[in-house]
């Protein structure tokens, strides 16, 4: 099966459309707020690539009271 022949201008327009579709998207990361017995946040751990990874980390360290939250890297472009 032969691929369609496209000129450079067509390929450039297609590449620009792909880039435009991804502008503004960020990879989603997660943080973990750890609470003490009184319900006060005592630690924030971040970044994790998935909610599952954050929960596994909490399990490894035996944390009983925590909340997984969406996070972002501070200081980056908004």
N, C-alpha and C. Protein backbone atom coordinates (compact mmCIF):
# COMPACT_ATOMS: atom_id res chain seq x y z
N UNK A 1 0.85 -1.17 0.00
CA UNK A 1 0.00 0.00 0.00
C UNK A 1 0.89 1.24 0.00
N UNK A 2 0.69 2.10 -0.93
CA UNK A 2 1.49 3.32 -1.04
C UNK A 2 0.92 4.41 -0.14
N UNK A 3 1.80 5.13 0.50
CA UNK A 3 1.37 6.26 1.31
C UNK A 3 1.11 7.46 0.42
N UNK A 4 0.15 8.31 0.81
CA UNK A 4 -0.12 9.48 -0.01
C UNK A 4 1.09 10.42 -0.02
N UNK A 5 1.32 11.03 -1.15
CA UNK A 5 2.42 11.97 -1.28
C UNK A 5 1.93 13.34 -0.81
N UNK A 6 2.68 13.94 0.11
CA UNK A 6 2.31 15.27 0.60
C UNK A 6 3.51 16.18 0.47
N UNK A 7 3.22 17.43 0.23
CA UNK A 7 4.32 18.38 0.11
C UNK A 7 4.72 18.90 1.49
N UNK A 8 5.82 19.60 1.54
CA UNK A 8 6.36 20.10 2.80
C UNK A 8 5.40 21.06 3.49
N UNK A 9 4.71 21.90 2.72
CA UNK A 9 3.78 22.86 3.31
C UNK A 9 2.63 22.14 4.01
N UNK A 10 2.14 21.05 3.39
CA UNK A 10 1.06 20.28 4.00
C UNK A 10 1.53 19.63 5.31
N UNK A 11 2.73 19.06 5.30
CA UNK A 11 3.28 18.44 6.52
C UNK A 11 3.48 19.48 7.61
N UNK A 12 3.92 20.68 7.24
CA UNK A 12 4.11 21.75 8.21
C UNK A 12 2.79 22.15 8.84
N UNK A 13 1.74 22.30 8.02
CA UNK A 13 0.42 22.66 8.56
C UNK A 13 -0.08 21.57 9.51
N UNK A 14 0.11 20.33 9.16
CA UNK A 14 -0.33 19.22 10.01
C UNK A 14 0.43 19.23 11.34
N UNK A 15 1.72 19.49 11.29
CA UNK A 15 2.53 19.55 12.51
C UNK A 15 2.07 20.69 13.40
N UNK A 16 1.77 21.84 12.79
CA UNK A 16 1.29 22.99 13.58
C UNK A 16 -0.05 22.69 14.23
N UNK A 17 -0.93 21.96 13.55
CA UNK A 17 -2.21 21.59 14.15
C UNK A 17 -2.00 20.67 15.35
N UNK A 18 -1.07 19.73 15.23
CA UNK A 18 -0.80 18.82 16.35
C UNK A 18 -0.26 19.59 17.55
N UNK A 19 0.66 20.52 17.31
CA UNK A 19 1.23 21.31 18.40
C UNK A 19 0.15 22.18 19.03
N UNK A 20 -0.69 22.82 18.22
CA UNK A 20 -1.75 23.68 18.75
C UNK A 20 -2.72 22.89 19.62
N UNK A 21 -2.95 21.63 19.27
CA UNK A 21 -3.87 20.81 20.05
C UNK A 21 -3.31 20.47 21.42
N UNK A 22 -2.00 20.48 21.57
CA UNK A 22 -1.40 20.11 22.86
C UNK A 22 -1.03 21.31 23.72
N UNK A 23 -1.11 22.52 23.17
CA UNK A 23 -0.76 23.71 23.95
C UNK A 23 -1.75 23.85 25.10
N UNK A 24 -1.25 24.14 26.27
CA UNK A 24 -2.11 24.31 27.43
C UNK A 24 -2.32 23.03 28.22
N UNK A 25 -2.00 21.90 27.64
CA UNK A 25 -2.12 20.65 28.38
C UNK A 25 -0.87 20.44 29.20
N UNK A 26 -1.04 19.94 30.37
CA UNK A 26 0.09 19.60 31.22
C UNK A 26 -0.07 18.17 31.68
N UNK A 27 1.04 17.51 31.84
CA UNK A 27 0.93 16.18 32.44
C UNK A 27 0.40 16.33 33.86
N UNK A 28 -0.56 15.55 34.22
CA UNK A 28 -1.15 15.64 35.55
C UNK A 28 -0.27 14.89 36.54
N UNK A 29 0.05 15.54 37.62
CA UNK A 29 0.81 14.90 38.70
C UNK A 29 -0.02 14.97 39.97
N UNK A 30 0.40 14.25 40.96
CA UNK A 30 -0.35 14.18 42.21
C UNK A 30 0.56 14.44 43.39
N UNK A 31 -0.03 14.97 44.44
CA UNK A 31 0.65 15.16 45.70
C UNK A 31 -0.12 14.42 46.78
N UNK A 32 0.50 14.31 47.93
CA UNK A 32 -0.10 13.57 49.02
C UNK A 32 -0.02 14.44 50.27
N UNK A 33 -1.17 14.75 50.86
CA UNK A 33 -1.21 15.48 52.13
C UNK A 33 -1.32 14.44 53.24
N UNK A 34 -0.40 14.48 54.18
CA UNK A 34 -0.37 13.51 55.29
C UNK A 34 -0.86 14.22 56.55
N UNK A 35 -1.79 13.58 57.26
CA UNK A 35 -2.39 14.16 58.45
C UNK A 35 -1.94 13.43 59.71
N UNK A 36 -1.88 14.18 60.83
CA UNK A 36 -1.61 13.53 62.12
C UNK A 36 -2.94 13.07 62.72
N UNK A 37 -2.90 12.58 63.96
CA UNK A 37 -4.11 12.06 64.61
C UNK A 37 -5.17 13.12 64.82
N UNK A 38 -4.77 14.39 64.92
CA UNK A 38 -5.72 15.49 65.11
C UNK A 38 -6.28 16.01 63.79
N UNK A 39 -5.81 15.47 62.67
CA UNK A 39 -6.29 15.90 61.37
C UNK A 39 -5.56 17.10 60.80
N UNK A 40 -4.39 17.41 61.37
CA UNK A 40 -3.58 18.54 60.91
C UNK A 40 -2.57 18.02 59.88
N UNK A 41 -2.41 18.77 58.80
CA UNK A 41 -1.42 18.38 57.79
C UNK A 41 -0.03 18.51 58.38
N UNK A 42 0.73 17.41 58.33
CA UNK A 42 2.09 17.43 58.87
C UNK A 42 3.15 17.26 57.79
N UNK A 43 2.72 16.86 56.59
CA UNK A 43 3.68 16.66 55.51
C UNK A 43 2.94 16.69 54.18
N UNK A 44 3.62 17.21 53.17
CA UNK A 44 3.13 17.14 51.80
C UNK A 44 4.21 16.46 50.98
N UNK A 45 3.85 15.39 50.30
CA UNK A 45 4.81 14.65 49.48
C UNK A 45 4.38 14.78 48.02
N UNK A 46 5.34 15.10 47.15
CA UNK A 46 5.03 15.30 45.75
C UNK A 46 6.34 15.29 44.96
N UNK A 47 6.36 15.06 43.70
CA UNK A 47 5.26 14.68 42.82
C UNK A 47 5.20 13.18 42.59
N UNK A 48 4.02 12.73 42.28
CA UNK A 48 3.78 11.35 41.88
C UNK A 48 3.15 11.38 40.49
N UNK A 49 3.49 10.43 39.68
CA UNK A 49 2.98 10.40 38.31
C UNK A 49 1.56 9.89 38.19
N UNK A 50 1.04 9.30 39.25
CA UNK A 50 -0.34 8.81 39.22
C UNK A 50 -0.87 8.73 40.65
N UNK A 51 -2.18 8.67 40.75
CA UNK A 51 -2.81 8.51 42.05
C UNK A 51 -2.42 7.17 42.67
N UNK A 52 -2.32 6.16 41.84
CA UNK A 52 -1.93 4.83 42.31
C UNK A 52 -0.52 4.85 42.90
N UNK A 53 0.40 5.54 42.25
CA UNK A 53 1.78 5.63 42.76
C UNK A 53 1.80 6.34 44.11
N UNK A 54 1.00 7.37 44.27
CA UNK A 54 0.94 8.09 45.55
C UNK A 54 0.41 7.17 46.66
N UNK A 55 -0.63 6.41 46.35
CA UNK A 55 -1.20 5.50 47.35
C UNK A 55 -0.22 4.38 47.71
N UNK A 56 0.50 3.88 46.72
CA UNK A 56 1.50 2.84 47.01
C UNK A 56 2.60 3.38 47.90
N UNK A 57 3.03 4.62 47.65
CA UNK A 57 4.06 5.25 48.48
C UNK A 57 3.56 5.36 49.91
N UNK A 58 2.31 5.77 50.09
CA UNK A 58 1.73 5.88 51.43
C UNK A 58 1.68 4.52 52.11
N UNK A 59 1.35 3.49 51.37
CA UNK A 59 1.32 2.13 51.93
C UNK A 59 2.70 1.67 52.37
N UNK A 60 3.72 1.96 51.54
CA UNK A 60 5.10 1.56 51.88
C UNK A 60 5.54 2.19 53.19
N UNK A 61 5.15 3.45 53.42
CA UNK A 61 5.55 4.15 54.63
C UNK A 61 4.55 3.99 55.77
N UNK A 62 3.53 3.18 55.58
CA UNK A 62 2.57 2.88 56.64
C UNK A 62 1.71 4.05 57.05
N UNK A 63 1.41 4.94 56.13
CA UNK A 63 0.59 6.11 56.46
C UNK A 63 -0.88 5.71 56.48
N UNK A 64 -1.55 6.09 57.57
CA UNK A 64 -2.95 5.72 57.71
C UNK A 64 -3.89 6.86 57.32
N UNK A 65 -3.46 8.09 57.52
CA UNK A 65 -4.32 9.23 57.28
C UNK A 65 -3.68 10.17 56.26
N UNK A 66 -4.19 10.14 55.05
CA UNK A 66 -3.64 10.99 53.98
C UNK A 66 -4.72 11.26 52.95
N UNK A 67 -4.46 12.23 52.09
CA UNK A 67 -5.35 12.53 50.98
C UNK A 67 -4.51 12.79 49.74
N UNK A 68 -4.89 12.15 48.64
CA UNK A 68 -4.21 12.36 47.36
C UNK A 68 -4.90 13.52 46.66
N UNK A 69 -4.09 14.46 46.17
CA UNK A 69 -4.62 15.66 45.51
C UNK A 69 -3.92 15.89 44.18
N UNK A 70 -4.61 16.49 43.19
CA UNK A 70 -3.92 16.90 41.97
C UNK A 70 -2.88 17.96 42.34
N UNK A 71 -1.77 17.97 41.65
CA UNK A 71 -0.69 18.91 41.97
C UNK A 71 -0.13 19.50 40.69
N UNK A 72 0.69 20.53 40.85
CA UNK A 72 1.43 21.08 39.72
C UNK A 72 2.76 21.60 40.25
N UNK A 73 3.71 21.72 39.38
CA UNK A 73 5.02 22.21 39.77
C UNK A 73 4.94 23.72 39.94
N UNK A 74 5.32 24.22 41.09
CA UNK A 74 5.28 25.65 41.37
C UNK A 74 6.35 26.37 40.56
N UNK A 75 6.08 27.59 40.20
CA UNK A 75 7.06 28.39 39.49
C UNK A 75 7.05 28.21 37.99
N UNK A 76 6.24 27.30 37.51
CA UNK A 76 6.16 27.09 36.07
C UNK A 76 5.25 28.12 35.43
N UNK A 77 5.16 28.05 34.12
CA UNK A 77 4.25 28.96 33.42
C UNK A 77 2.82 28.56 33.70
N UNK A 78 1.94 29.53 33.83
CA UNK A 78 0.54 29.26 34.16
C UNK A 78 -0.27 29.16 32.90
